[in-house]
């Protein structure tokens, strides 16, 4: 059984104390109270497992050691698994995704970089590494910011970005790919959530349900970067991953700080009361989404394709608060991120290329900063002192505060989260990057 947090223990004791007081004051009230608790617990016992199946971010005790389905594993091994990095976009693969105006398609060339149609015969002067905003999800191959930057520079800008990478994984990929694909300029592009990703050893402990995503991570020991290799680096280990959980839990930042805290355990009422800010709106959102689906089926209504399910708005709000707290309150997290930036700079010096750091905030980052101030400003000042930096935050803030007053056209989804950059957003990134590097070409 999963360990209980202090808040859960306090909630259990609180429920017991309330019952005891009611019994002392009036036994009838105590009986009614117990009956209400029992009925609520029974209803939650029926409802929660169904909601969990619909939305894996609602985790319960069985999620401590989830079953990794064999068919899913086989597909993952075939199209995405990488024993060193955890996952990667494999050469000569492609996929369609939901985009703002229908569907988009990406493809990977024989080098393992995203296809760059019309430019792949041009000189290779710039290469790019980073996360899904570098990969440029939700737009076509000829709509990425790298494609537009290729147009501006008359070169083949190589795109080695991979979805869900943190700065640490992107650095490992850079060191693996650069000897085969050397360029004069290397752009490292990440989102503010990279501060979360660099602390994770198994993504499931932070992104619940992402159970195949075991990965390498760096940690600081006596202010020195130490690489912890991917703990599940063979196919056999996936099938017996529970043998390695003690080590993974010990090293993963989020197991005790987030995973255990957000797990709903029996008695369910105590668990929900211990973290009402997350649990109540999430249960409501999943239930509402389920009810709408039932109504659509009855009425014959058509479901609108969207990149992110409706309950994700609760998760995105929590994720924003998490990265805000890491940047403003967690000295270790910021120190680790700075050490990774320094590692990028050192590698650039050894290979004699120009490092460029590209910071690409999500829509909710921009909206938050517009109202409450820049929570990662100190980190960006540090990066600027070390290398050429392109921070999209002030540019997007100006767009937000302009006469148009909307960021929607720069993001691929009209929700508050915003999704990835839209076609217009990618053009904007390309123009800003070009301004900074044109004198280096």
Protein backbone atom coordinates (compact mmCIF):
# COMPACT_ATOMS: atom_id res chain seq x y z
CA UNK A 1 0.00 0.00 0.00
CA UNK A 2 1.25 3.48 -0.90
CA UNK A 3 2.55 5.67 1.90
CA UNK A 4 0.18 8.34 3.16
CA UNK A 5 1.10 12.00 3.13
CA UNK A 6 0.81 14.21 6.20
CA UNK A 7 -2.18 15.94 4.64
CA UNK A 8 -3.98 12.61 4.16
CA UNK A 9 -3.26 11.55 7.73
CA UNK A 10 -4.53 14.91 8.97
CA UNK A 11 -7.70 14.49 6.86
CA UNK A 12 -8.34 11.00 8.27
CA UNK A 13 -7.86 12.21 11.86
CA UNK A 14 -10.07 15.20 11.12
CA UNK A 15 -12.92 13.01 9.82
CA UNK A 16 -12.63 10.78 12.90
CA UNK A 17 -12.63 13.74 15.28
CA UNK A 18 -15.70 15.28 13.60
CA UNK A 19 -17.54 11.95 13.94
CA UNK A 20 -16.55 11.60 17.60
CA UNK A 21 -17.72 15.14 18.43
CA UNK A 22 -21.06 14.56 16.69
CA UNK A 23 -21.59 11.31 18.60
CA UNK A 24 -20.84 13.06 21.88
CA UNK A 25 -23.17 15.94 21.12
CA UNK A 26 -25.97 13.89 19.62
CA UNK A 27 -25.56 10.20 18.67
CA UNK A 28 -28.18 10.54 15.93
CA UNK A 29 -26.03 13.16 14.17
CA UNK A 30 -23.05 10.85 14.46
CA UNK A 31 -24.98 7.99 12.83
CA UNK A 32 -26.14 10.26 9.99
CA UNK A 33 -22.57 11.50 9.54
CA UNK A 34 -21.21 7.95 9.32
CA UNK A 35 -23.95 6.94 6.90
CA UNK A 36 -23.14 9.91 4.66
CA UNK A 37 -19.43 9.04 4.74
CA UNK A 38 -20.17 5.40 3.90
CA UNK A 39 -22.46 6.28 0.98
CA UNK A 40 -19.97 8.81 -0.39
CA UNK A 41 -17.12 6.32 -0.09
CA UNK A 42 -19.19 3.66 -1.85
CA UNK A 43 -20.08 6.08 -4.68
CA UNK A 44 -16.42 7.08 -5.08
CA UNK A 45 -15.39 3.42 -5.10
CA UNK A 46 -17.72 2.89 -8.06
CA UNK A 47 -16.88 6.12 -9.88
CA UNK A 48 -13.12 6.67 -9.51
CA UNK A 49 -11.90 3.50 -11.31
CA UNK A 50 -14.08 4.45 -14.31
CA UNK A 51 -12.72 7.99 -14.33
CA UNK A 52 -9.16 6.67 -14.05
CA UNK A 53 -9.64 4.62 -17.23
CA UNK A 54 -10.78 7.74 -19.08
CA UNK A 55 -7.98 9.99 -17.87
CA UNK A 56 -4.67 8.52 -16.63
CA UNK A 57 -3.70 11.68 -14.73
CA UNK A 58 -6.21 10.62 -12.08
CA UNK A 59 -3.97 8.08 -10.37
CA UNK A 60 -4.85 5.46 -7.78
CA UNK A 61 -2.85 2.88 -5.82
CA UNK A 62 -2.58 0.42 -8.71
CA UNK A 63 -0.63 3.09 -10.61
CA UNK A 64 2.37 2.58 -8.33
CA UNK A 65 3.25 -0.49 -10.37
CA UNK A 66 1.24 -0.19 -13.60
CA UNK A 67 1.07 -3.05 -16.06
CA UNK A 68 3.01 -2.28 -19.24
CA UNK A 69 0.88 -3.78 -22.04
CA UNK A 70 2.84 -6.08 -24.33
CA UNK A 71 1.32 -4.76 -27.56
CA UNK A 72 2.05 -1.20 -26.54
CA UNK A 73 5.62 -2.11 -25.67
CA UNK A 74 6.20 -3.79 -29.03
CA UNK A 75 4.96 -0.70 -30.85
CA UNK A 76 7.09 1.58 -28.66
CA UNK A 77 10.20 -0.53 -29.30
CA UNK A 78 9.54 -0.32 -33.02
CA UNK A 79 8.81 3.38 -33.46
CA UNK A 80 10.23 5.31 -30.51
CA UNK A 81 12.43 3.51 -27.98
CA UNK A 82 16.08 4.46 -27.53
CA UNK A 83 18.13 2.64 -24.90
CA UNK A 84 20.29 5.69 -24.14
CA UNK A 85 17.83 8.58 -24.43
CA UNK A 86 14.61 6.80 -23.48
CA UNK A 87 12.86 7.70 -26.72
CA UNK A 88 13.65 9.41 -30.01
CA UNK A 89 12.16 10.12 -33.42
CA UNK A 90 13.49 7.25 -35.52
CA UNK A 91 14.82 7.71 -39.08
CA UNK A 92 12.38 7.26 -41.96
CA UNK A 93 9.23 7.47 -39.82
CA UNK A 94 6.20 9.77 -40.09
CA UNK A 95 2.93 10.58 -38.34
CA UNK A 96 -0.20 12.72 -38.57
CA UNK A 97 -1.36 14.92 -35.68
CA UNK A 98 -4.29 17.16 -34.86
CA UNK A 99 -3.47 20.79 -35.68
CA UNK A 100 -5.30 24.11 -35.41
CA UNK A 101 -6.81 23.98 -38.89
CA UNK A 102 -7.20 20.23 -39.35
CA UNK A 103 -4.31 17.79 -39.38
CA UNK A 104 -0.57 18.20 -39.73
CA UNK A 105 2.08 15.68 -40.72
CA UNK A 106 5.71 15.27 -39.73
CA UNK A 107 8.38 12.99 -41.17
CA UNK A 108 11.92 12.07 -40.16
CA UNK A 109 14.69 11.74 -42.73
CA UNK A 110 17.50 9.19 -42.88
CA UNK A 111 19.71 11.32 -40.58
CA UNK A 112 17.12 11.20 -37.81
CA UNK A 113 16.30 14.91 -38.27
CA UNK A 114 12.89 16.26 -39.21
CA UNK A 115 12.39 16.59 -42.95
CA UNK A 116 13.11 20.05 -44.31
CA UNK A 117 11.56 20.02 -47.81
CA UNK A 118 13.25 22.17 -50.41
CA UNK A 119 16.34 22.78 -48.27
CA UNK A 120 17.97 19.41 -47.67
CA UNK A 121 20.48 19.90 -50.48
CA UNK A 122 21.68 23.23 -49.07
CA UNK A 123 24.75 23.73 -46.83
CA UNK A 124 24.30 22.59 -43.23
CA UNK A 125 25.32 25.54 -41.05
CA UNK A 126 22.75 25.40 -38.22
CA UNK A 127 21.46 22.45 -36.20
CA UNK A 128 18.74 22.54 -33.55
CA UNK A 129 18.14 20.40 -30.46
CA UNK A 130 15.52 20.51 -27.77
CA UNK A 131 11.91 19.58 -27.07
CA UNK A 132 8.62 19.51 -29.00
CA UNK A 133 8.67 23.29 -29.51
CA UNK A 134 11.98 22.81 -31.30
CA UNK A 135 10.58 19.82 -33.17
CA UNK A 136 7.59 22.11 -33.92
CA UNK A 137 4.68 19.78 -33.35
CA UNK A 138 1.25 20.45 -34.84
CA UNK A 139 2.56 22.04 -38.03
CA UNK A 140 3.73 20.45 -41.29
CA UNK A 141 7.35 19.90 -42.27
CA UNK A 142 7.32 23.05 -44.40
CA UNK A 143 5.85 25.17 -41.57
CA UNK A 144 8.36 24.66 -38.74
CA UNK A 145 10.47 27.57 -37.51
CA UNK A 146 13.53 25.68 -38.77
CA UNK A 147 12.00 25.56 -42.26
CA UNK A 148 11.34 29.31 -42.19
CA UNK A 149 14.84 29.92 -40.80
CA UNK A 150 16.19 27.86 -43.72
CA UNK A 151 14.34 30.20 -46.08
CA UNK A 152 15.89 33.25 -44.40
CA UNK A 153 19.44 31.85 -44.23
CA UNK A 154 19.46 29.91 -47.52
CA UNK A 155 20.79 26.89 -45.61
CA UNK A 156 19.52 23.50 -44.41
CA UNK A 157 18.67 24.04 -40.74
CA UNK A 158 18.66 20.55 -39.21
CA UNK A 159 15.96 19.83 -36.63
CA UNK A 160 16.85 17.19 -34.01
CA UNK A 161 14.16 18.25 -31.53
CA UNK A 162 12.20 15.51 -29.72
CA UNK A 163 8.92 15.83 -27.88
CA UNK A 164 9.06 15.88 -24.06
CA UNK A 165 12.84 16.22 -23.88
CA UNK A 166 14.34 18.24 -21.08
CA UNK A 167 17.60 20.14 -21.45
CA UNK A 168 19.51 17.13 -20.11
CA UNK A 169 18.22 14.70 -22.74
CA UNK A 170 18.72 17.30 -25.47
CA UNK A 171 22.37 17.68 -24.43
CA UNK A 172 22.92 13.92 -24.56
CA UNK A 173 21.38 13.84 -28.04
CA UNK A 174 23.57 16.76 -29.13
CA UNK A 175 26.73 14.96 -28.01
CA UNK A 176 25.64 11.84 -29.89
CA UNK A 177 24.60 13.52 -33.13
CA UNK A 178 27.05 16.40 -33.44
CA UNK A 179 30.14 14.35 -34.50
CA UNK A 180 28.09 13.04 -37.46
CA UNK A 181 26.32 16.33 -38.14
CA UNK A 182 28.69 19.19 -37.24
CA UNK A 183 27.47 22.76 -37.79
CA UNK A 184 28.85 26.24 -37.16
CA UNK A 185 25.84 27.18 -35.01
CA UNK A 186 23.84 24.99 -32.60
CA UNK A 187 20.50 26.21 -31.28
CA UNK A 188 19.21 24.66 -28.06
CA UNK A 189 15.46 25.32 -27.85
CA UNK A 190 13.36 24.50 -24.77
CA UNK A 191 10.23 25.61 -22.91
CA UNK A 192 10.16 26.75 -19.25
CA UNK A 193 8.85 23.27 -18.33
CA UNK A 194 12.38 22.03 -18.94
CA UNK A 195 13.05 22.75 -15.25
CA UNK A 196 10.52 20.02 -14.46
CA UNK A 197 11.81 17.56 -17.06
CA UNK A 198 15.43 17.65 -15.91
CA UNK A 199 14.36 16.41 -12.46
CA UNK A 200 12.53 13.33 -13.73
CA UNK A 201 13.89 9.77 -13.98
CA UNK A 202 10.59 8.06 -14.86
CA UNK A 203 8.09 10.41 -16.53
CA UNK A 204 5.20 8.51 -14.97
CA UNK A 205 6.02 10.06 -11.59
CA UNK A 206 5.34 13.52 -12.99
CA UNK A 207 3.32 12.92 -16.18
CA UNK A 208 1.03 10.21 -14.88
CA UNK A 209 0.32 7.46 -17.39
CA UNK A 210 3.51 8.04 -19.40
CA UNK A 211 4.68 4.63 -18.28
CA UNK A 212 7.12 3.74 -21.07
CA UNK A 213 9.15 6.92 -20.56
CA UNK A 214 12.18 5.88 -18.51
CA UNK A 215 15.06 8.25 -19.21
CA UNK A 216 18.53 9.37 -18.20
CA UNK A 217 18.92 12.33 -15.87
CA UNK A 218 21.66 14.50 -14.41
CA UNK A 219 22.06 15.39 -10.77
CA UNK A 220 24.44 17.60 -8.84
CA UNK A 221 26.99 16.12 -6.44
CA UNK A 222 29.29 18.68 -4.80
CA UNK A 223 28.24 21.14 -7.51
CA UNK A 224 29.38 18.73 -10.24
CA UNK A 225 27.05 17.29 -12.90
CA UNK A 226 26.70 13.53 -12.63
CA UNK A 227 24.89 11.55 -15.33
CA UNK A 228 22.54 8.80 -14.19
CA UNK A 229 22.06 6.58 -17.28
CA UNK A 230 18.64 5.38 -18.33
CA UNK A 231 17.82 2.66 -15.75
CA UNK A 232 15.55 0.68 -18.10
CA UNK A 233 17.85 0.36 -21.09
CA UNK A 234 16.99 -3.11 -22.40
CA UNK A 235 13.75 -4.68 -23.58
CA UNK A 236 14.08 -7.30 -20.86
CA UNK A 237 14.20 -4.63 -18.15
CA UNK A 238 10.88 -3.17 -19.32
CA UNK A 239 9.23 -6.49 -18.59
CA UNK A 240 10.72 -6.65 -15.10
CA UNK A 241 10.93 -2.92 -14.35
CA UNK A 242 9.60 -3.31 -10.81
CA UNK A 243 13.00 -4.75 -9.78
CA UNK A 244 14.50 -1.29 -10.33
CA UNK A 245 11.80 0.81 -8.68
CA UNK A 246 13.61 1.34 -5.36
CA UNK A 247 16.54 2.97 -7.16
CA UNK A 248 14.26 4.97 -9.50
CA UNK A 249 12.13 6.25 -6.62
CA UNK A 250 15.17 7.26 -4.62
CA UNK A 251 16.56 9.37 -7.49
CA UNK A 252 13.37 10.73 -9.03
CA UNK A 253 12.51 14.18 -7.67
CA UNK A 254 8.76 13.72 -8.06
CA UNK A 255 7.98 10.35 -6.51
CA UNK A 256 7.43 11.66 -2.98
CA UNK A 257 6.87 15.34 -3.77
CA UNK A 258 4.17 14.82 -6.41
CA UNK A 259 3.23 11.23 -7.29
CA UNK A 260 2.39 10.04 -3.77
CA UNK A 261 0.82 13.38 -2.90
CA UNK A 262 -1.55 13.35 -5.87
CA UNK A 263 -2.49 9.67 -5.70
CA UNK A 264 -6.08 9.02 -4.59
CA UNK A 265 -6.12 6.22 -2.00
CA UNK A 266 -8.71 4.61 0.22
CA UNK A 267 -10.41 6.12 2.18
CA UNK A 268 -11.06 8.24 -0.89
CA UNK A 269 -12.77 11.09 0.95
CA UNK A 270 -9.65 11.73 3.03
CA UNK A 271 -7.45 11.63 -0.05
CA UNK A 272 -9.63 14.12 -1.92
CA UNK A 273 -9.97 16.45 1.08
CA UNK A 274 -6.18 16.42 1.53
CA UNK A 275 -5.66 18.01 -1.92
CA UNK A 276 -9.00 19.59 -2.91
CA UNK A 277 -7.42 22.20 -5.23
CA UNK A 278 -6.50 19.45 -7.68
CA UNK A 279 -8.80 16.52 -6.98
CA UNK A 280 -12.21 18.23 -6.91
CA UNK A 281 -11.92 20.17 -10.21
CA UNK A 282 -10.24 17.20 -11.90
CA UNK A 283 -12.98 14.73 -10.90
CA UNK A 284 -15.60 17.26 -11.98
CA UNK A 285 -13.88 17.90 -15.35
CA UNK A 286 -13.53 14.20 -16.19
CA UNK A 287 -17.13 13.51 -15.17
CA UNK A 288 -18.37 16.47 -17.23
CA UNK A 289 -16.35 15.32 -20.26
CA UNK A 290 -17.80 11.82 -19.88
CA UNK A 291 -21.35 13.17 -19.62
CA UNK A 292 -20.90 15.28 -22.77
CA UNK A 293 -19.69 12.21 -24.64
CA UNK A 294 -22.79 10.28 -23.56
CA UNK A 295 -25.04 13.14 -24.69
CA UNK A 296 -23.28 13.32 -28.07
CA UNK A 297 -23.84 9.60 -28.59
CA UNK A 298 -27.54 9.93 -27.73
CA UNK A 299 -28.10 13.02 -29.87
CA UNK A 300 -25.81 11.95 -32.71
CA UNK A 301 -23.64 15.04 -32.31
CA UNK A 302 -20.18 15.14 -33.83
CA UNK A 303 -17.17 15.25 -31.55
CA UNK A 304 -14.77 18.12 -32.24
CA UNK A 305 -11.16 17.03 -32.69
CA UNK A 306 -8.91 18.71 -30.19
CA UNK A 307 -5.24 18.21 -29.29
CA UNK A 308 -5.88 18.01 -25.53
CA UNK A 309 -8.84 16.56 -23.61
CA UNK A 310 -10.87 19.03 -21.55
CA UNK A 311 -9.69 17.78 -18.10
CA UNK A 312 -6.13 18.76 -19.09
CA UNK A 313 -6.98 22.36 -18.15
CA UNK A 314 -6.76 21.30 -14.48
CA UNK A 315 -3.43 19.54 -15.06
CA UNK A 316 -1.99 22.49 -17.01
CA UNK A 317 -2.88 24.84 -14.17
CA UNK A 318 -1.07 22.57 -11.70
CA UNK A 319 1.90 22.21 -14.07
CA UNK A 320 2.26 25.98 -14.34
CA UNK A 321 2.22 26.30 -10.56
CA UNK A 322 4.84 23.54 -10.33
CA UNK A 323 7.34 25.24 -12.65
CA UNK A 324 6.66 28.60 -10.99
CA UNK A 325 7.54 27.09 -7.60
CA UNK A 326 10.64 25.37 -8.97
CA UNK A 327 11.99 28.59 -10.49
CA UNK A 328 11.16 30.80 -7.50
CA UNK A 329 11.54 28.51 -4.47
CA UNK A 330 13.73 25.52 -5.35
CA UNK A 331 17.42 26.49 -5.37
CA UNK A 332 18.55 22.99 -6.35
CA UNK A 333 16.33 22.85 -9.45
CA UNK A 334 17.58 26.22 -10.70
CA UNK A 335 21.18 25.32 -9.90
CA UNK A 336 20.87 22.07 -11.87
CA UNK A 337 19.37 23.89 -14.85
CA UNK A 338 22.20 26.43 -14.80
CA UNK A 339 24.76 23.62 -14.64
CA UNK A 340 23.22 22.09 -17.77
CA UNK A 341 23.45 25.45 -19.55
CA UNK A 342 27.13 25.59 -18.60
CA UNK A 343 27.60 22.07 -19.96
CA UNK A 344 26.15 23.21 -23.29
CA UNK A 345 28.60 26.12 -23.31
CA UNK A 346 31.56 23.84 -22.48
CA UNK A 347 30.67 21.40 -25.23
CA UNK A 348 30.43 24.30 -27.69
CA UNK A 349 33.94 25.36 -26.72
CA UNK A 350 35.36 21.86 -27.21
CA UNK A 351 33.72 21.50 -30.65
CA UNK A 352 34.20 25.14 -31.67
CA UNK A 353 30.58 25.96 -32.54
CA UNK A 354 28.47 28.97 -31.54
CA UNK A 355 25.86 28.00 -28.91
CA UNK A 356 22.48 29.74 -29.06
CA UNK A 357 19.86 29.31 -26.34
CA UNK A 358 16.24 29.63 -27.50
CA UNK A 359 13.58 30.05 -24.79
CA UNK A 360 10.01 29.42 -25.97
CA UNK A 361 7.27 30.01 -23.39
CA UNK A 362 3.89 28.35 -23.61
CA UNK A 363 0.78 30.50 -23.83
CA UNK A 364 -0.07 30.07 -20.15
CA UNK A 365 3.46 31.19 -19.24
CA UNK A 366 2.95 34.43 -21.19
CA UNK A 367 -0.50 35.07 -19.69
CA UNK A 368 0.80 34.39 -16.17
CA UNK A 369 3.78 36.71 -16.64
CA UNK A 370 1.55 39.43 -18.09
CA UNK A 371 -0.42 39.45 -14.84
CA UNK A 372 2.09 38.56 -12.14
CA UNK A 373 5.59 39.16 -13.48
CA UNK A 374 8.39 37.11 -15.02
CA UNK A 375 9.09 34.18 -12.72
CA UNK A 376 12.14 32.91 -14.67
CA UNK A 377 13.76 36.30 -15.35
CA UNK A 378 16.76 35.55 -13.10
CA UNK A 379 17.53 32.34 -14.95
CA UNK A 380 17.36 34.06 -18.35
CA UNK A 381 19.74 36.78 -17.12
CA UNK A 382 22.19 34.03 -16.20
CA UNK A 383 21.93 32.43 -19.64
CA UNK A 384 22.41 35.78 -21.41
CA UNK A 385 25.71 36.26 -19.60
CA UNK A 386 26.95 32.93 -20.95
CA UNK A 387 25.77 32.78 -24.56
CA UNK A 388 23.67 34.29 -27.31
CA UNK A 389 20.05 34.03 -26.14
CA UNK A 390 16.72 34.36 -27.91
CA UNK A 391 13.93 34.74 -25.36
CA UNK A 392 10.49 34.76 -26.99
CA UNK A 393 8.84 36.01 -23.78
CA UNK A 394 9.08 39.80 -24.34
CA UNK A 395 8.10 39.43 -28.00
CA UNK A 396 4.99 37.43 -27.13
CA UNK A 397 4.16 39.79 -24.26
CA UNK A 398 4.19 42.70 -26.69
CA UNK A 399 1.90 40.77 -29.02
CA UNK A 400 -0.43 40.06 -26.11
CA UNK A 401 -0.53 43.71 -25.04
CA UNK A 402 -0.84 45.05 -28.57
CA UNK A 403 -4.02 46.40 -30.14
CA UNK A 404 -4.98 42.88 -31.19
CA UNK A 405 -4.68 41.71 -27.59
CA UNK A 406 -4.61 38.01 -28.40
CA UNK A 407 -1.97 35.28 -28.51
CA UNK A 408 -4.26 32.77 -30.19
CA UNK A 409 -2.84 33.17 -33.68
CA UNK A 410 0.64 32.26 -32.46
CA UNK A 411 -0.44 28.98 -30.82
CA UNK A 412 -1.93 25.83 -32.30
CA UNK A 413 -4.85 25.51 -29.86
CA UNK A 414 -7.31 28.17 -28.71
CA UNK A 415 -7.34 27.02 -25.08
CA UNK A 416 -5.60 28.88 -22.26
CA UNK A 417 -2.75 26.38 -22.52
CA UNK A 418 -2.36 27.16 -26.21
CA UNK A 419 -0.66 24.01 -27.42
CA UNK A 420 2.47 24.38 -29.54
CA UNK A 421 3.31 27.28 -31.82
CA UNK A 422 1.06 27.68 -34.85
CA UNK A 423 2.27 28.41 -38.36
CA UNK A 424 2.35 32.13 -37.45
CA UNK A 425 4.10 31.35 -34.19
CA UNK A 426 6.81 29.39 -35.99
CA UNK A 427 7.32 32.26 -38.45
CA UNK A 428 7.72 34.63 -35.50
CA UNK A 429 10.35 32.39 -33.87
CA UNK A 430 12.28 32.11 -37.15
CA UNK A 431 12.37 35.90 -37.59
CA UNK A 432 13.58 36.50 -34.03
CA UNK A 433 16.28 33.84 -34.27
CA UNK A 434 17.43 35.21 -37.63
CA UNK A 435 17.82 38.71 -36.18
CA UNK A 436 20.21 37.33 -33.57
CA UNK A 437 22.33 35.05 -35.76
CA UNK A 438 22.42 36.71 -39.19
CA UNK A 439 25.78 38.35 -38.49
CA UNK A 440 27.27 34.93 -37.67
CA UNK A 441 26.48 33.38 -41.05
